[in-house]
Amino acid sequence: MPARRDGRSDDSATDGSSASVSAEKRSLLVDAADGVEAWEVREKRRRKSARGKPPRKSKAGEDVDRNAREEPYVTTPELEDSARASPSVVDVGVRTEEGEKSREILGARVVVGAALAQGQRQYMEDRYSTVLDLKPEGVVECDGIRRSFLGVFDGHNGDWAAQFASERLHTFLNQDILTRNASPSCPDATAQYNAEMEKSLKKMYMDCDAVILDSTSQQGRRDGSTALSILQVGNALFTAHAGDSRAVVGYADGRTRAMTEDHKPSTVTERRRVTEIGGRIEFCGCWRVIADHPFKPVRAALAVSRSLGDIDFKRPKDTGVTAEPDVQRYELNKNVNFVILATDGMWDVIRDQEAGDIARGKLTEHGVLLDGECTTSDLTAIESACNEAAKELLETSLRRGTNDNVTVVVAMYVH
């Protein structure tokens, strides 16, 4: 579905009366404001506990010039003073899992491991979210379809947007589409479902973005975040992403393939999209989208072309930075061994195939994967192996001198 010139999808309007929409939005803004207040309390505690603690460095040491080149959000000195920092201790987001009755269920069970580190940055702005048993509203018991939601979020210019998205992004999803089978027998019905899911996921991102923008505007903040999510509905996986956090899939034959394509101003498609809207891209250490301040002789520069938040790049002038995600569907079958979701702190130093090889090696070493097949139904053993795979990817990134926060999620779908 092509983006409109204002960066929003044509489906951004919600159903129902304008009064009910406004009431819902006010409620979300109140929740968001409460979240900011709670965040500020946590921030004070974290800063006190982290006082005097230097950021973690890799064995390779810090490359100051490289760090300056790859900072995702940069400002002129005048704007730098007003930019708020984020805490140095991370909340891991949301993780829920509920029991299921013994019955035939459509879809594999997801088992997840994760690892994250502050790295050489002064603050930790990454977050992740794992909702292992995603139930539509009104569904109390298992209805025969497995659903899950995984996400990673790379915050910049503060961690509030990443924190909010990790806790709330999945709640913006249309609930009706979750109750339906993603793989009906009729191909036409499947195509229709895919189109409706794409529309729903795009709206989920855009609605979450609108609340983040309204809330940060009220609070005088400028936080932004990449977003990457994988939604499971039965035997289908739907990726949605805005920014340069990336997902890959590891297949039974040993191949690893990217599930997403980074949204950076340096790519041909994103450069064309931004400039056609009237946005400006300049080289400032790397290619960045530029936002001029409407009232001051300062500007900001962003190293991704899609994100949640980042009010300087969306209001009052549209610079081409949008929250609208790209959406893809993947079939979840026994050829899928695992998926990896990670922020660019890992992908800057590890290629896709190598990441898959490292994860596969650890899963094999811990006895849960052999010759492309899962060897056990012991979920505890699988979770432990996924954690070790994520940890190995994290430590490899740190050894290679990544200068960014790193978050890695490794998931296996057990049939």
Protein backbone atom coordinates (compact mmCIF):
# COMPACT_ATOMS: atom_id res chain seq x y z
CA MET A 1 0.00 0.00 0.00
CA PRO A 2 1.65 3.27 -1.09
CA ALA A 3 2.14 6.07 1.43
CA ARG A 4 0.30 9.34 0.98
CA ARG A 5 2.33 12.48 0.63
CA ASP A 6 1.74 13.35 4.26
CA GLY A 7 3.41 10.05 5.26
CA ARG A 8 0.19 8.51 6.61
CA SER A 9 -1.64 5.58 5.15
CA ASP A 10 -5.11 6.07 3.71
CA ASP A 11 -6.49 3.89 6.47
CA SER A 12 -5.37 6.14 9.31
CA ALA A 13 -8.96 7.21 10.10
CA THR A 14 -10.77 5.16 12.72
CA ASP A 15 -14.34 3.92 12.61
CA GLY A 16 -17.07 5.37 14.81
CA SER A 17 -18.01 8.87 15.79
CA SER A 18 -15.46 11.63 16.17
CA ALA A 19 -16.55 12.08 19.78
CA SER A 20 -15.70 8.48 20.68
CA VAL A 21 -12.36 8.75 18.87
CA SER A 22 -11.50 11.94 20.72
CA ALA A 23 -12.45 10.37 24.04
CA GLU A 24 -10.26 7.35 23.31
CA LYS A 25 -7.34 9.57 22.30
CA ARG A 26 -7.72 11.68 25.46
CA SER A 27 -7.63 8.48 27.50
CA LEU A 28 -4.44 7.36 25.75
CA LEU A 29 -2.85 10.75 26.32
CA VAL A 30 -3.72 10.58 30.02
CA ASP A 31 -2.14 7.11 30.17
CA ALA A 32 0.90 8.42 28.29
CA ALA A 33 1.22 11.41 30.62
CA ASP A 34 1.03 9.08 33.61
CA GLY A 35 3.72 7.01 31.93
CA VAL A 36 5.96 10.06 31.61
CA GLU A 37 5.48 10.87 35.29
CA ALA A 38 6.30 7.29 36.28
CA TRP A 39 9.25 7.31 33.89
CA GLU A 40 10.62 10.47 35.53
CA VAL A 41 10.42 8.81 38.97
CA ARG A 42 12.27 5.75 37.64
CA GLU A 43 14.79 7.97 35.92
CA LYS A 44 15.70 9.72 39.17
CA ARG A 45 16.20 6.35 40.89
CA ARG A 46 18.24 4.98 38.00
CA ARG A 47 20.46 8.01 37.76
CA LYS A 48 21.12 7.81 41.49
CA SER A 49 21.99 4.11 41.31
CA ALA A 50 24.08 4.55 38.14
CA ARG A 51 25.97 7.60 39.37
CA GLY A 52 29.68 7.18 38.82
CA LYS A 53 29.30 4.04 36.70
CA PRO A 54 30.92 4.33 33.25
CA PRO A 55 29.22 2.80 30.22
CA ARG A 56 30.24 -0.74 29.39
CA LYS A 57 33.00 -0.95 26.80
CA SER A 58 33.99 -3.78 24.54
CA LYS A 59 37.47 -5.28 24.62
CA ALA A 60 38.21 -3.47 21.41
CA GLY A 61 37.85 -0.13 23.19
CA GLU A 62 35.96 2.96 22.10
CA ASP A 63 36.24 4.53 18.65
CA VAL A 64 35.30 8.16 19.33
CA ASP A 65 35.20 9.23 15.68
CA ARG A 66 33.03 6.28 14.68
CA ASN A 67 30.70 6.96 17.60
CA ALA A 68 30.20 10.52 16.35
CA ARG A 69 29.54 9.35 12.80
CA GLU A 70 26.86 6.84 13.73
CA GLU A 71 24.89 8.69 16.42
CA PRO A 72 21.27 8.21 15.26
CA TYR A 73 20.04 11.67 16.25
CA VAL A 74 22.29 14.71 16.24
CA THR A 75 21.64 18.39 16.80
CA THR A 76 23.52 21.64 16.59
CA PRO A 77 24.99 22.83 19.93
CA GLU A 78 22.06 25.19 20.50
CA LEU A 79 19.58 22.32 20.45
CA GLU A 80 21.84 19.87 22.25
CA ASP A 81 21.39 21.62 25.60
CA SER A 82 17.64 21.06 25.55
CA ALA A 83 17.78 17.40 24.51
CA ARG A 84 16.86 15.11 27.40
CA ALA A 85 18.91 12.07 28.25
CA SER A 86 17.56 8.67 29.21
CA PRO A 87 18.37 6.34 32.08
CA SER A 88 21.31 3.96 32.04
CA VAL A 89 19.33 0.99 33.37
CA VAL A 90 16.83 -0.76 31.14
CA ASP A 91 13.35 -2.17 31.71
CA VAL A 92 12.91 -5.25 29.55
CA GLY A 93 9.38 -4.40 28.46
CA VAL A 94 6.45 -6.82 28.53
CA ARG A 95 6.57 -10.57 28.81
CA THR A 96 3.41 -12.62 29.34
CA GLU A 97 2.52 -16.27 28.92
CA GLU A 98 -0.60 -18.15 30.02
CA GLY A 99 -1.39 -21.83 30.13
CA GLU A 100 -3.41 -23.57 27.45
CA LYS A 101 -5.86 -26.42 27.61
CA SER A 102 -4.83 -29.69 26.05
CA ARG A 103 -6.43 -29.41 22.60
CA GLU A 104 -5.43 -29.11 18.98
CA ILE A 105 -4.20 -25.58 18.35
CA LEU A 106 -3.34 -23.86 15.08
CA GLY A 107 0.21 -22.55 15.11
CA ALA A 108 3.51 -23.28 16.81
CA ARG A 109 4.37 -22.24 20.35
CA VAL A 110 6.93 -19.44 20.51
CA VAL A 111 9.87 -19.72 22.92
CA VAL A 112 12.10 -16.69 23.39
CA GLY A 113 15.53 -15.75 24.69
CA ALA A 114 16.93 -12.23 24.88
CA ALA A 115 20.08 -10.30 25.79
CA LEU A 116 20.86 -6.59 25.86
CA ALA A 117 23.67 -4.25 26.86
CA GLN A 118 24.33 -0.54 27.09
CA GLY A 119 27.59 -0.90 25.19
CA GLN A 120 29.70 2.22 24.80
CA ARG A 121 26.80 4.66 24.91
CA GLN A 122 26.21 6.88 27.92
CA TYR A 123 22.59 5.79 28.25
CA MET A 124 20.53 2.68 27.54
CA GLU A 125 17.70 3.55 25.15
CA ASP A 126 16.85 0.10 23.68
CA ARG A 127 13.75 -1.82 24.74
CA TYR A 128 12.13 -5.09 23.75
CA SER A 129 8.73 -6.69 24.17
CA THR A 130 7.61 -10.33 24.13
CA VAL A 131 3.92 -11.15 24.45
CA LEU A 132 3.90 -14.92 24.20
CA ASP A 133 0.16 -15.45 24.52
CA LEU A 134 -1.57 -12.60 22.73
CA LYS A 135 -5.34 -12.85 23.20
CA PRO A 136 -7.90 -10.62 21.50
CA GLU A 137 -10.17 -8.59 23.76
CA GLY A 138 -12.94 -10.73 25.18
CA VAL A 139 -11.09 -14.02 24.63
CA VAL A 140 -10.35 -15.55 28.03
CA GLU A 141 -9.47 -19.14 27.15
CA CYS A 142 -7.54 -20.53 24.20
CA ASP A 143 -9.74 -20.39 21.08
CA GLY A 144 -7.61 -22.73 18.96
CA ILE A 145 -5.27 -20.14 17.41
CA ARG A 146 -1.84 -19.33 18.82
CA ARG A 147 -0.87 -15.67 18.69
CA SER A 148 2.26 -13.89 19.85
CA PHE A 149 3.91 -10.50 19.47
CA LEU A 150 7.65 -9.78 19.57
CA GLY A 151 9.25 -6.37 19.24
CA VAL A 152 12.51 -4.45 19.58
CA PHE A 153 12.76 -0.68 19.84
CA ASP A 154 15.89 1.44 19.45
CA GLY A 155 15.28 4.77 21.16
CA HIS A 156 17.14 8.00 20.44
CA ASN A 157 17.14 11.46 21.99
CA GLY A 158 15.72 9.81 25.11
CA ASP A 159 14.14 6.45 25.89
CA TRP A 160 10.53 7.40 26.54
CA ALA A 161 9.21 6.63 23.04
CA ALA A 162 10.91 3.21 23.06
CA GLN A 163 9.54 2.45 26.52
CA PHE A 164 6.00 3.46 25.58
CA ALA A 165 6.10 1.47 22.34
CA SER A 166 7.44 -1.64 24.07
CA GLU A 167 4.52 -1.55 26.49
CA ARG A 168 1.70 -0.33 24.26
CA LEU A 169 2.33 -0.82 20.53
CA HIS A 170 0.51 -4.15 20.31
CA THR A 171 -2.55 -2.70 22.08
CA PHE A 172 -3.24 -0.44 19.09
CA LEU A 173 -3.87 -3.45 16.82
CA ASN A 174 -7.38 -4.02 15.50
CA GLN A 175 -8.79 -6.77 17.71
CA ASP A 176 -11.21 -8.24 15.18
CA ILE A 177 -8.50 -9.38 12.79
CA LEU A 178 -6.82 -11.37 15.58
CA THR A 179 -9.87 -13.59 15.97
CA ARG A 180 -9.71 -14.87 12.40
CA ASN A 181 -7.72 -17.66 10.78
CA ALA A 182 -4.79 -16.17 8.85
CA SER A 183 -4.68 -19.22 6.53
CA PRO A 184 -8.16 -19.94 5.16
CA SER A 185 -8.43 -22.66 2.52
CA CYS A 186 -9.43 -20.26 -0.25
CA PRO A 187 -6.46 -18.34 -1.80
CA ASP A 188 -8.68 -15.30 -2.42
CA ALA A 189 -9.66 -15.24 1.25
CA THR A 190 -5.99 -15.44 2.24
CA ALA A 191 -5.14 -12.53 -0.03
CA GLN A 192 -7.98 -10.51 1.47
CA TYR A 193 -6.79 -11.33 4.99
CA ASN A 194 -3.23 -10.28 4.12
CA ALA A 195 -4.46 -6.94 2.79
CA GLU A 196 -6.55 -6.32 5.90
CA MET A 197 -3.66 -7.30 8.17
CA GLU A 198 -1.31 -4.94 6.33
CA LYS A 199 -3.84 -2.14 6.78
CA SER A 200 -4.27 -2.97 10.48
CA LEU A 201 -0.53 -3.11 11.22
CA LYS A 202 0.10 0.18 9.45
CA LYS A 203 -2.70 1.78 11.42
CA MET A 204 -1.30 0.30 14.64
CA TYR A 205 2.04 2.02 14.05
CA MET A 206 0.50 5.33 12.95
CA ASP A 207 -1.92 5.48 15.89
CA CYS A 208 0.86 4.71 18.37
CA ASP A 209 3.00 7.37 16.72
CA ALA A 210 0.23 9.97 17.03
CA VAL A 211 -0.07 9.36 20.78
CA ILE A 212 3.71 9.53 21.23
CA LEU A 213 3.88 12.80 19.29
CA ASP A 214 1.01 14.37 21.25
CA SER A 215 2.45 13.25 24.58
CA THR A 216 6.04 14.31 23.89
CA SER A 217 4.75 17.66 22.61
CA GLN A 218 2.87 18.25 25.85
CA GLN A 219 5.89 17.20 27.91
CA GLY A 220 8.43 19.21 25.90
CA ARG A 221 10.31 16.07 24.86
CA ARG A 222 11.80 15.06 21.50
CA ASP A 223 12.13 11.29 21.92
CA GLY A 224 11.97 8.92 18.99
CA SER A 225 12.46 5.22 18.37
CA THR A 226 12.74 2.64 15.64
CA ALA A 227 10.19 -0.15 15.86
CA LEU A 228 10.31 -3.75 14.66
CA SER A 229 7.59 -6.28 15.41
CA ILE A 230 6.66 -9.84 14.47
CA LEU A 231 3.02 -10.82 14.94
CA GLN A 232 2.13 -14.51 14.88
CA VAL A 233 -1.42 -15.53 14.00
CA GLY A 234 -1.62 -19.31 13.75
CA ASN A 235 0.85 -20.42 11.08
CA ALA A 236 1.54 -16.95 9.71
CA LEU A 237 4.17 -14.42 10.77
CA PHE A 238 3.68 -10.75 9.92
CA THR A 239 6.67 -8.43 10.18
CA ALA A 240 6.20 -4.68 10.49
CA HIS A 241 9.02 -2.19 10.95
CA ALA A 242 9.97 1.46 10.84
CA GLY A 243 13.70 2.20 11.01
CA ASP A 244 16.84 0.09 10.94
CA SER A 245 16.18 -2.57 13.57
CA ARG A 246 16.19 -5.82 11.60
CA ALA A 247 14.73 -9.32 11.68
CA VAL A 248 16.15 -12.42 9.99
CA VAL A 249 14.86 -15.97 9.70
CA GLY A 250 16.99 -19.11 9.97
CA TYR A 251 15.83 -21.98 7.76
CA ALA A 252 16.32 -25.72 8.19
CA ASP A 253 18.78 -25.89 5.27
CA GLY A 254 21.18 -23.48 7.02
CA ARG A 255 20.24 -20.34 5.09
CA THR A 256 19.56 -17.08 6.90
CA ARG A 257 17.50 -14.44 5.12
CA ALA A 258 16.51 -10.89 6.05
CA MET A 259 12.82 -10.45 6.81
CA THR A 260 13.00 -6.64 6.75
CA GLU A 261 14.86 -3.95 4.81
CA ASP A 262 16.43 -1.07 6.74
CA HIS A 263 14.84 2.36 6.42
CA LYS A 264 17.82 4.68 6.01
CA PRO A 265 18.22 7.92 4.04
CA SER A 266 21.09 6.27 2.16
CA THR A 267 18.87 3.66 0.44
CA VAL A 268 17.57 4.49 -3.02
CA THR A 269 13.89 3.88 -2.25
CA GLU A 270 13.87 5.84 1.01
CA ARG A 271 15.88 8.72 -0.45
CA ARG A 272 13.38 8.99 -3.31
CA ARG A 273 10.39 8.83 -0.96
CA VAL A 274 11.76 11.53 1.35
CA THR A 275 12.80 13.92 -1.41
CA GLU A 276 9.52 13.51 -3.31
CA ILE A 277 7.68 14.67 -0.20
CA GLY A 278 9.97 17.70 -0.03
CA GLY A 279 12.34 16.48 2.67
CA ARG A 280 16.06 17.18 2.66
CA ILE A 281 18.90 14.67 3.09
CA GLU A 282 22.49 15.67 3.82
CA PHE A 283 25.70 13.86 4.71
CA CYS A 284 26.56 14.53 8.38
CA GLY A 285 28.89 11.65 9.27
CA CYS A 286 26.31 9.47 7.48
CA TRP A 287 23.28 10.32 5.35
CA ARG A 288 20.59 11.95 7.48
CA VAL A 289 17.17 13.54 7.13
CA ILE A 290 17.39 17.23 8.11
CA ALA A 291 14.83 19.18 10.15
CA ASP A 292 15.15 22.95 10.47
CA HIS A 293 13.73 24.55 13.61
CA PRO A 294 10.80 26.83 12.66
CA PHE A 295 11.76 29.60 15.09
CA LYS A 296 15.47 29.18 15.84
CA PRO A 297 18.63 29.02 13.70
CA VAL A 298 19.22 25.38 14.63
CA ARG A 299 18.52 22.05 12.99
CA ALA A 300 18.35 18.35 13.81
CA ALA A 301 19.51 15.38 11.75
CA LEU A 302 18.18 11.82 11.88
CA ALA A 303 19.97 8.71 10.58
CA VAL A 304 16.74 6.76 9.94
CA SER A 305 13.93 7.74 7.60
CA ARG A 306 11.08 6.05 9.49
CA SER A 307 10.45 6.04 13.22
CA LEU A 308 7.98 6.48 16.05
CA GLY A 309 8.02 9.91 17.67
CA ASP A 310 10.72 12.40 16.56
CA ILE A 311 8.43 15.41 16.68
CA ASP A 312 11.08 17.73 15.19
CA PHE A 313 10.78 15.79 11.93
CA LYS A 314 6.98 15.58 11.76
CA ARG A 315 5.50 18.73 13.27
CA PRO A 316 4.86 21.41 12.19
CA LYS A 317 6.63 20.52 8.92
CA ASP A 318 6.71 17.08 7.33
CA THR A 319 10.34 16.24 6.52
CA GLY A 320 9.54 12.84 5.05
CA VAL A 321 10.16 10.87 8.27
CA THR A 322 7.12 8.65 8.82
CA ALA A 323 6.01 5.92 11.21
CA GLU A 324 4.26 3.96 8.46
CA PRO A 325 5.84 0.48 8.46
CA ASP A 326 6.60 -1.96 5.70
CA VAL A 327 4.62 -5.17 6.24
CA GLN A 328 5.45 -8.69 5.03
CA ARG A 329 3.92 -12.13 5.59
CA TYR A 330 5.95 -15.32 6.12
CA GLU A 331 4.63 -18.85 6.44
CA LEU A 332 5.44 -20.52 9.74
CA ASN A 333 6.27 -24.12 8.89
CA LYS A 334 8.85 -26.69 9.95
CA ASN A 335 11.43 -25.19 7.59
CA VAL A 336 11.62 -22.19 9.94
CA ASN A 337 14.11 -22.97 12.72
CA PHE A 338 14.31 -19.58 14.42
CA VAL A 339 14.06 -15.83 13.99
CA ILE A 340 16.38 -13.11 15.28
CA LEU A 341 15.28 -9.55 16.03
CA ALA A 342 17.99 -7.02 16.90
CA THR A 343 18.78 -3.33 16.99
CA ASP A 344 21.43 -1.92 14.68
CA GLY A 345 24.05 -2.11 17.41
CA MET A 346 24.36 -5.78 16.43
CA TRP A 347 23.78 -5.48 12.68
CA ASP A 348 26.51 -2.84 12.38
CA VAL A 349 29.12 -5.53 13.13
CA ILE A 350 27.46 -8.88 12.27
CA ARG A 351 26.07 -9.84 8.87
CA ASP A 352 22.76 -11.64 8.45
CA GLN A 353 24.12 -15.09 7.55
CA GLU A 354 26.77 -14.95 10.24
CA ALA A 355 24.16 -14.06 12.86
CA GLY A 356 22.15 -17.08 11.79
CA ASP A 357 25.22 -19.31 11.94
CA ILE A 358 26.07 -18.11 15.46
CA ALA A 359 22.52 -18.68 16.70
CA ARG A 360 22.30 -22.08 15.01
CA GLY A 361 25.61 -23.12 16.55
CA LYS A 362 24.44 -22.28 20.07
CA LEU A 363 21.04 -23.94 19.61
CA THR A 364 22.81 -27.07 18.33
CA GLU A 365 25.41 -26.95 21.11
CA HIS A 366 22.62 -26.94 23.70
CA GLY A 367 20.88 -29.91 22.10
CA VAL A 368 17.63 -28.33 20.90
CA LEU A 369 18.44 -28.20 17.17
CA LEU A 370 20.08 -30.85 14.98
CA ASP A 371 20.23 -31.05 11.19
CA GLY A 372 17.52 -28.44 10.84
CA GLU A 373 15.05 -30.06 13.23
CA CYS A 374 14.01 -29.24 16.78
CA THR A 375 15.06 -32.20 18.91
CA THR A 376 13.01 -31.66 22.07
CA SER A 377 9.66 -30.49 23.39
CA ASP A 378 11.24 -29.34 26.67
CA LEU A 379 10.32 -25.64 26.61
CA THR A 380 12.65 -24.82 29.49
CA ALA A 381 15.62 -26.29 27.61
CA ILE A 382 14.64 -24.43 24.44
CA GLU A 383 14.29 -21.15 26.32
CA SER A 384 17.71 -21.63 27.90
CA ALA A 385 19.26 -22.34 24.49
CA CYS A 386 17.60 -19.25 22.97
CA ASN A 387 18.98 -17.15 25.81
CA GLU A 388 22.47 -18.51 25.19
CA ALA A 389 22.17 -17.81 21.46
CA ALA A 390 21.09 -14.22 22.14
CA LYS A 391 23.90 -13.81 24.66
CA GLU A 392 26.51 -15.08 22.18
CA LEU A 393 25.29 -12.63 19.52
CA LEU A 394 25.43 -9.81 22.05
CA GLU A 395 28.93 -10.65 23.26
CA THR A 396 30.19 -11.03 19.69
CA SER A 397 28.88 -7.54 18.94
CA LEU A 398 30.64 -6.10 21.99
CA ARG A 399 33.91 -7.88 21.19
CA ARG A 400 33.84 -6.37 17.71
CA GLY A 401 33.57 -2.88 19.13
CA THR A 402 30.00 -1.86 18.39
CA ASN A 403 29.50 1.64 19.71
CA ASP A 404 25.74 1.42 20.23
CA ASN A 405 23.22 -0.12 22.61
CA VAL A 406 22.58 -3.73 21.61
CA THR A 407 19.37 -5.73 22.02
CA VAL A 408 18.96 -9.25 20.63
CA VAL A 409 15.88 -11.49 20.71
CA VAL A 410 16.09 -15.11 19.49
CA ALA A 411 12.83 -17.01 19.08
CA MET A 412 12.03 -20.61 18.15
CA TYR A 413 8.56 -21.67 17.05
CA VAL A 414 7.96 -25.18 18.39
CA HIS A 415 5.44 -27.31 16.47
